[in-house]
């Protein structure tokens, strides 16, 4: 299944970070896990959300030239994403992730549609596997 919106549309239109989109400069496992959990719970039934890793935001607006991610990290990050959502979320949930190139930079676009097995829970830390309820809205 393809991600239903292009990276060009998400970034070139400079969509302001809001309840359905988050920009992450780097790979912060715990922040990303909690955002995935919140989007999967889709409390307001808005269709989940998007996380773009490799893009910094200033005042909620993506910077014009993203820093990107090292190309050789993309496979490892997708494996880490799979491991996190299998071992640190209950019930298990798998978002769609797609490595993309934008302005010559490698990014990881993660689409998190609302899940079917709500409510989802995520570990409060990455050290324990027992899930606790995650936030209802993504962290900013």
N, C-alpha and C. Protein backbone atom coordinates (compact mmCIF):
# COMPACT_ATOMS: atom_id res chain seq x y z
N UNK A 1 0.85 -1.17 0.00
CA UNK A 1 0.00 0.00 0.00
C UNK A 1 0.90 1.24 0.00
N UNK A 2 0.64 2.15 -0.88
CA UNK A 2 1.43 3.38 -0.98
C UNK A 2 0.92 4.42 0.00
N UNK A 3 1.84 5.28 0.42
CA UNK A 3 1.46 6.39 1.30
C UNK A 3 0.65 7.37 0.45
N UNK A 4 -0.51 7.82 0.93
CA UNK A 4 -1.45 8.56 0.09
C UNK A 4 -1.11 10.03 -0.19
N UNK A 5 0.01 10.51 0.31
CA UNK A 5 0.37 11.90 0.06
C UNK A 5 1.87 11.95 -0.22
N UNK A 6 2.27 12.80 -1.13
CA UNK A 6 3.68 12.84 -1.51
C UNK A 6 4.48 13.72 -0.56
N UNK A 7 5.76 13.43 -0.47
CA UNK A 7 6.65 14.24 0.35
C UNK A 7 6.69 15.66 -0.18
N UNK A 8 6.60 15.84 -1.48
CA UNK A 8 6.62 17.19 -2.06
C UNK A 8 5.43 18.00 -1.56
N UNK A 9 4.28 17.38 -1.49
CA UNK A 9 3.09 18.10 -1.01
C UNK A 9 3.22 18.45 0.47
N UNK A 10 3.74 17.52 1.25
CA UNK A 10 3.88 17.77 2.68
C UNK A 10 4.90 18.87 2.98
N UNK A 11 5.98 18.93 2.20
CA UNK A 11 7.05 19.88 2.51
C UNK A 11 7.06 21.14 1.66
N UNK A 12 6.77 21.02 0.38
CA UNK A 12 6.87 22.21 -0.47
C UNK A 12 5.75 23.21 -0.20
N UNK A 13 4.63 22.73 0.26
CA UNK A 13 3.54 23.65 0.59
C UNK A 13 3.70 24.21 2.00
N UNK A 14 4.79 23.78 2.66
CA UNK A 14 5.14 24.29 3.99
C UNK A 14 3.95 24.19 4.95
N UNK A 15 3.35 23.02 4.97
CA UNK A 15 2.23 22.77 5.86
C UNK A 15 2.70 22.92 7.30
N UNK A 16 1.99 23.69 8.07
CA UNK A 16 2.36 23.93 9.46
C UNK A 16 2.16 22.66 10.27
N UNK A 17 3.13 22.39 11.13
CA UNK A 17 3.02 21.24 12.01
C UNK A 17 1.74 21.40 12.83
N UNK A 18 0.96 20.36 12.83
CA UNK A 18 -0.33 20.43 13.48
C UNK A 18 -0.64 19.08 14.08
N UNK A 19 -1.87 18.82 14.35
CA UNK A 19 -2.23 17.56 15.00
C UNK A 19 -2.06 16.35 14.08
N UNK A 20 -1.90 16.56 12.78
CA UNK A 20 -1.78 15.42 11.86
C UNK A 20 -0.42 15.28 11.21
N UNK A 21 0.54 16.12 11.55
CA UNK A 21 1.87 16.02 10.96
C UNK A 21 2.93 16.47 11.95
N UNK A 22 4.02 15.73 11.98
CA UNK A 22 5.14 16.08 12.84
C UNK A 22 6.43 16.01 12.03
N UNK A 23 7.31 16.96 12.29
CA UNK A 23 8.63 16.98 11.66
C UNK A 23 9.64 16.64 12.75
N UNK A 24 10.51 15.69 12.45
CA UNK A 24 11.54 15.27 13.41
C UNK A 24 12.90 15.40 12.74
N UNK A 25 13.78 16.17 13.37
CA UNK A 25 15.12 16.36 12.81
C UNK A 25 15.90 15.04 12.79
N UNK A 26 15.76 14.26 13.85
CA UNK A 26 16.50 13.00 13.96
C UNK A 26 15.63 11.88 14.47
N UNK A 27 16.25 10.75 14.68
CA UNK A 27 15.56 9.54 15.10
C UNK A 27 15.55 9.46 16.62
N UNK A 28 14.51 9.96 17.26
CA UNK A 28 14.32 9.85 18.70
C UNK A 28 13.27 8.76 18.91
N UNK A 29 13.73 7.59 19.27
CA UNK A 29 12.86 6.41 19.35
C UNK A 29 11.62 6.63 20.21
N UNK A 30 11.81 7.17 21.41
CA UNK A 30 10.68 7.30 22.33
C UNK A 30 9.66 8.32 21.82
N UNK A 31 10.12 9.45 21.31
CA UNK A 31 9.20 10.45 20.76
C UNK A 31 8.42 9.88 19.57
N UNK A 32 9.11 9.19 18.72
CA UNK A 32 8.46 8.62 17.53
C UNK A 32 7.47 7.54 17.93
N UNK A 33 7.84 6.69 18.88
CA UNK A 33 6.93 5.65 19.36
C UNK A 33 5.66 6.27 19.93
N UNK A 34 5.77 7.30 20.74
CA UNK A 34 4.59 7.94 21.34
C UNK A 34 3.74 8.65 20.29
N UNK A 35 4.38 9.24 19.29
CA UNK A 35 3.61 9.86 18.20
C UNK A 35 2.84 8.81 17.41
N UNK A 36 3.48 7.68 17.14
CA UNK A 36 2.81 6.60 16.42
C UNK A 36 1.62 6.11 17.23
N UNK A 37 1.80 5.93 18.52
CA UNK A 37 0.71 5.47 19.37
C UNK A 37 -0.46 6.46 19.35
N UNK A 38 -0.15 7.73 19.46
CA UNK A 38 -1.20 8.75 19.47
C UNK A 38 -1.94 8.78 18.13
N UNK A 39 -1.21 8.76 17.02
CA UNK A 39 -1.86 8.78 15.71
C UNK A 39 -2.68 7.50 15.49
N UNK A 40 -2.17 6.36 15.94
CA UNK A 40 -2.91 5.10 15.78
C UNK A 40 -4.21 5.13 16.57
N UNK A 41 -4.21 5.79 17.73
CA UNK A 41 -5.44 5.92 18.52
C UNK A 41 -6.43 6.85 17.86
N UNK A 42 -5.96 7.81 17.08
CA UNK A 42 -6.80 8.70 16.27
C UNK A 42 -8.07 9.13 17.01
N UNK A 43 -7.86 9.76 18.15
CA UNK A 43 -8.96 10.13 19.05
C UNK A 43 -10.06 10.91 18.34
N UNK A 44 -9.69 11.84 17.45
CA UNK A 44 -10.70 12.67 16.78
C UNK A 44 -11.12 12.13 15.41
N UNK A 45 -10.71 10.90 15.08
CA UNK A 45 -11.05 10.25 13.82
C UNK A 45 -10.72 11.12 12.60
N UNK A 46 -9.53 11.70 12.62
CA UNK A 46 -9.10 12.57 11.52
C UNK A 46 -8.26 11.86 10.48
N UNK A 47 -8.05 10.57 10.65
CA UNK A 47 -7.29 9.81 9.65
C UNK A 47 -5.86 9.54 10.04
N UNK A 48 -5.51 9.67 11.31
CA UNK A 48 -4.14 9.40 11.74
C UNK A 48 -3.23 10.58 11.46
N UNK A 49 -1.98 10.30 11.11
CA UNK A 49 -1.06 11.38 10.86
C UNK A 49 0.22 10.93 10.18
N UNK A 50 1.11 11.90 9.98
CA UNK A 50 2.38 11.69 9.29
C UNK A 50 3.52 12.16 10.16
N UNK A 51 4.61 11.42 10.12
CA UNK A 51 5.85 11.81 10.78
C UNK A 51 6.92 11.84 9.70
N UNK A 52 7.61 12.97 9.59
CA UNK A 52 8.69 13.08 8.61
C UNK A 52 9.99 13.21 9.38
N UNK A 53 10.84 12.20 9.26
CA UNK A 53 12.10 12.17 9.99
C UNK A 53 13.21 12.66 9.06
N UNK A 54 13.99 13.61 9.57
CA UNK A 54 15.08 14.20 8.80
C UNK A 54 14.82 15.65 8.47
N UNK A 55 13.72 16.19 9.01
CA UNK A 55 13.31 17.57 8.74
C UNK A 55 13.15 18.32 10.06
N UNK A 56 13.82 19.43 10.16
CA UNK A 56 13.68 20.27 11.34
C UNK A 56 12.55 21.27 11.10
N UNK A 57 11.87 21.65 12.17
CA UNK A 57 10.81 22.65 12.06
C UNK A 57 11.15 23.85 12.92
N UNK A 58 10.82 25.02 12.42
CA UNK A 58 10.94 26.25 13.19
C UNK A 58 9.55 26.85 13.29
N UNK A 59 9.07 27.01 14.52
CA UNK A 59 7.70 27.49 14.76
C UNK A 59 6.67 26.63 14.03
N UNK A 60 6.92 25.34 13.97
CA UNK A 60 5.98 24.43 13.35
C UNK A 60 6.05 24.36 11.83
N UNK A 61 6.95 25.12 11.21
CA UNK A 61 7.07 25.12 9.75
C UNK A 61 8.38 24.44 9.38
N UNK A 62 8.36 23.50 8.44
CA UNK A 62 9.60 22.82 8.07
C UNK A 62 10.62 23.79 7.48
N UNK A 63 11.89 23.61 7.86
CA UNK A 63 12.94 24.46 7.29
C UNK A 63 13.05 24.15 5.80
N UNK A 64 13.43 25.15 5.05
CA UNK A 64 13.42 25.04 3.59
C UNK A 64 14.35 23.94 3.09
N UNK A 65 15.57 23.86 3.59
CA UNK A 65 16.51 22.82 3.16
C UNK A 65 16.65 21.81 4.29
N UNK A 66 16.01 20.65 4.18
CA UNK A 66 16.10 19.67 5.27
C UNK A 66 17.52 19.12 5.40
N UNK A 67 17.85 18.75 6.63
CA UNK A 67 19.16 18.15 6.89
C UNK A 67 19.22 16.74 6.33
N UNK A 68 18.14 16.02 6.46
CA UNK A 68 18.08 14.66 5.96
C UNK A 68 18.71 13.65 6.91
N UNK A 69 18.74 12.41 6.45
CA UNK A 69 19.30 11.30 7.20
C UNK A 69 20.38 10.64 6.36
N UNK A 70 21.36 10.01 6.99
CA UNK A 70 22.34 9.27 6.20
C UNK A 70 21.65 8.14 5.43
N UNK A 71 21.99 7.99 4.18
CA UNK A 71 21.36 6.97 3.34
C UNK A 71 21.51 5.58 3.96
N UNK A 72 22.69 5.30 4.50
CA UNK A 72 22.92 3.96 5.04
C UNK A 72 22.20 3.69 6.36
N UNK A 73 21.47 4.68 6.89
CA UNK A 73 20.70 4.47 8.13
C UNK A 73 19.24 4.11 7.86
N UNK A 74 18.77 4.29 6.64
CA UNK A 74 17.34 4.11 6.36
C UNK A 74 16.85 2.69 6.61
N UNK A 75 17.62 1.71 6.21
CA UNK A 75 17.21 0.32 6.44
C UNK A 75 17.17 0.01 7.93
N UNK A 76 18.19 0.45 8.66
CA UNK A 76 18.25 0.22 10.10
C UNK A 76 17.08 0.90 10.81
N UNK A 77 16.73 2.11 10.40
CA UNK A 77 15.63 2.83 11.03
C UNK A 77 14.29 2.12 10.80
N UNK A 78 14.09 1.58 9.62
CA UNK A 78 12.84 0.86 9.34
C UNK A 78 12.77 -0.42 10.16
N UNK A 79 13.90 -1.10 10.34
CA UNK A 79 13.92 -2.29 11.19
C UNK A 79 13.66 -1.92 12.63
N UNK A 80 14.22 -0.80 13.08
CA UNK A 80 14.00 -0.32 14.43
C UNK A 80 12.53 0.03 14.64
N UNK A 81 11.93 0.64 13.65
CA UNK A 81 10.50 0.98 13.70
C UNK A 81 9.66 -0.29 13.88
N UNK A 82 9.97 -1.31 13.13
CA UNK A 82 9.25 -2.59 13.24
C UNK A 82 9.43 -3.19 14.63
N UNK A 83 10.66 -3.18 15.13
CA UNK A 83 10.92 -3.74 16.46
C UNK A 83 10.20 -2.95 17.54
N UNK A 84 10.23 -1.63 17.44
CA UNK A 84 9.56 -0.79 18.46
C UNK A 84 8.07 -1.04 18.51
N UNK A 85 7.42 -1.06 17.35
CA UNK A 85 5.97 -1.20 17.35
C UNK A 85 5.53 -2.61 17.70
N UNK A 86 6.40 -3.59 17.53
CA UNK A 86 6.07 -4.96 17.93
C UNK A 86 6.29 -5.20 19.41
N UNK A 87 7.37 -4.64 19.95
CA UNK A 87 7.71 -4.96 21.34
C UNK A 87 7.28 -3.89 22.34
N UNK A 88 7.01 -2.67 21.90
CA UNK A 88 6.72 -1.58 22.83
C UNK A 88 5.31 -1.04 22.69
N UNK A 89 4.49 -1.64 21.85
CA UNK A 89 3.08 -1.22 21.71
C UNK A 89 2.17 -2.43 21.87
N UNK A 90 1.01 -2.19 22.45
CA UNK A 90 -0.01 -3.22 22.55
C UNK A 90 -1.34 -2.61 22.19
N UNK A 91 -2.15 -3.22 21.36
CA UNK A 91 -1.75 -4.34 20.53
C UNK A 91 -0.69 -3.89 19.52
N UNK A 92 -0.06 -4.87 18.88
CA UNK A 92 0.95 -4.54 17.89
C UNK A 92 0.34 -3.67 16.79
N UNK A 93 1.16 -2.79 16.26
CA UNK A 93 0.70 -1.89 15.21
C UNK A 93 1.88 -1.61 14.29
N UNK A 94 1.63 -1.57 12.99
CA UNK A 94 2.71 -1.28 12.07
C UNK A 94 2.31 -0.15 11.13
N UNK A 95 2.93 1.01 11.29
CA UNK A 95 2.68 2.10 10.35
C UNK A 95 3.36 1.82 9.02
N UNK A 96 3.05 2.59 8.01
CA UNK A 96 3.72 2.46 6.73
C UNK A 96 4.88 3.45 6.69
N UNK A 97 6.05 2.96 6.34
CA UNK A 97 7.23 3.82 6.27
C UNK A 97 7.82 3.73 4.87
N UNK A 98 8.28 4.87 4.38
CA UNK A 98 8.84 4.92 3.04
C UNK A 98 10.03 5.88 3.02
N UNK A 99 11.21 5.37 2.64
CA UNK A 99 12.33 6.28 2.45
C UNK A 99 12.05 7.12 1.19
N UNK A 100 12.27 8.42 1.30
CA UNK A 100 12.02 9.32 0.17
C UNK A 100 13.20 10.27 0.02
N UNK A 101 13.31 10.85 -1.16
CA UNK A 101 14.34 11.86 -1.40
C UNK A 101 13.63 13.18 -1.68
N UNK A 102 14.05 14.21 -0.96
CA UNK A 102 13.49 15.54 -1.14
C UNK A 102 14.66 16.52 -1.16
N UNK A 103 14.77 17.30 -2.23
CA UNK A 103 15.84 18.25 -2.42
C UNK A 103 17.21 17.59 -2.22
N UNK A 104 17.34 16.38 -2.72
CA UNK A 104 18.60 15.66 -2.63
C UNK A 104 18.92 15.08 -1.27
N UNK A 105 18.00 15.16 -0.33
CA UNK A 105 18.21 14.64 1.03
C UNK A 105 17.32 13.42 1.26
N UNK A 106 17.85 12.46 2.00
CA UNK A 106 17.09 11.26 2.32
C UNK A 106 16.29 11.49 3.60
N UNK A 107 15.00 11.19 3.52
CA UNK A 107 14.08 11.34 4.64
C UNK A 107 13.34 10.03 4.84
N UNK A 108 12.74 9.87 6.00
CA UNK A 108 11.86 8.74 6.24
C UNK A 108 10.47 9.29 6.50
N UNK A 109 9.54 8.94 5.63
CA UNK A 109 8.14 9.36 5.75
C UNK A 109 7.37 8.21 6.37
N UNK A 110 6.71 8.49 7.48
CA UNK A 110 5.94 7.48 8.20
C UNK A 110 4.48 7.90 8.20
N UNK A 111 3.63 7.04 7.67
CA UNK A 111 2.19 7.29 7.69
C UNK A 111 1.58 6.40 8.75
N UNK A 112 0.81 7.00 9.65
CA UNK A 112 0.19 6.27 10.75
C UNK A 112 -1.32 6.46 10.66
N UNK A 113 -2.02 5.61 9.89
CA UNK A 113 -3.47 5.72 9.86
C UNK A 113 -4.07 5.25 11.19
N UNK A 114 -5.27 5.72 11.48
CA UNK A 114 -5.95 5.26 12.69
C UNK A 114 -6.07 3.75 12.68
N UNK A 115 -5.77 3.14 13.82
CA UNK A 115 -5.76 1.68 13.89
C UNK A 115 -7.14 1.09 14.13
N UNK A 116 -7.24 -0.20 13.88
CA UNK A 116 -8.50 -0.92 14.05
C UNK A 116 -8.66 -1.49 15.46
N UNK A 117 -7.55 -1.64 16.17
CA UNK A 117 -7.59 -2.30 17.48
C UNK A 117 -7.41 -1.31 18.63
N UNK A 118 -8.01 -0.15 18.51
CA UNK A 118 -7.86 0.87 19.55
C UNK A 118 -8.48 0.40 20.86
N UNK A 119 -8.00 0.85 21.97
CA UNK A 119 -6.91 1.80 22.16
C UNK A 119 -5.56 1.11 22.13
N UNK A 120 -4.55 1.84 21.67
CA UNK A 120 -3.17 1.38 21.66
C UNK A 120 -2.47 1.94 22.88
N UNK A 121 -1.50 1.21 23.35
CA UNK A 121 -0.69 1.63 24.48
C UNK A 121 0.77 1.49 24.08
N UNK A 122 1.60 2.39 24.59
CA UNK A 122 3.03 2.35 24.33
C UNK A 122 3.79 2.43 25.64
N UNK A 123 4.95 1.82 25.66
CA UNK A 123 5.79 1.88 26.85
C UNK A 123 6.13 3.32 27.17
N UNK A 124 6.17 3.63 28.46
CA UNK A 124 6.55 4.98 28.89
C UNK A 124 8.04 5.20 28.68
N UNK A 125 8.83 4.14 28.74
CA UNK A 125 10.26 4.21 28.44
C UNK A 125 10.59 3.07 27.50
N UNK A 126 11.76 3.11 26.95
CA UNK A 126 12.17 2.04 26.04
C UNK A 126 12.83 0.88 26.79
N UNK A 127 13.00 1.02 28.09
CA UNK A 127 13.67 -0.01 28.88
C UNK A 127 12.73 -1.12 29.30
N UNK A 128 11.43 -0.84 29.34
CA UNK A 128 10.46 -1.86 29.75
C UNK A 128 9.53 -2.16 28.59
N UNK A 129 9.00 -3.35 28.57
CA UNK A 129 8.10 -3.74 27.51
C UNK A 129 6.63 -3.63 27.91
N UNK A 130 6.35 -3.41 29.18
CA UNK A 130 4.97 -3.29 29.60
C UNK A 130 4.43 -1.94 29.18
N UNK A 131 3.38 -1.91 28.34
CA UNK A 131 2.87 -0.63 27.86
C UNK A 131 2.06 0.12 28.90
N UNK A 132 2.17 1.42 28.84
CA UNK A 132 1.31 2.29 29.60
C UNK A 132 0.60 3.17 28.59
N UNK A 133 -0.51 3.73 28.96
CA UNK A 133 -1.29 4.52 28.00
C UNK A 133 -0.48 5.69 27.49
N UNK A 134 -0.45 5.86 26.17
CA UNK A 134 0.28 6.99 25.59
C UNK A 134 -0.63 8.21 25.51
N UNK A 135 -0.05 9.34 25.18
CA UNK A 135 -0.81 10.58 25.09
C UNK A 135 -1.85 10.49 23.98
N UNK A 136 -2.92 11.24 24.14
CA UNK A 136 -3.98 11.26 23.14
C UNK A 136 -3.61 12.09 21.91
N UNK A 137 -2.65 13.00 22.07
CA UNK A 137 -2.21 13.81 20.95
C UNK A 137 -0.70 13.71 20.84
N UNK A 138 -0.16 13.83 19.64
CA UNK A 138 1.28 13.72 19.44
C UNK A 138 2.03 14.79 20.21
N UNK A 139 3.27 14.46 20.55
CA UNK A 139 4.13 15.45 21.22
C UNK A 139 4.63 16.43 20.19
N UNK A 140 4.75 17.66 20.57
CA UNK A 140 5.23 18.68 19.64
C UNK A 140 6.68 18.99 19.90
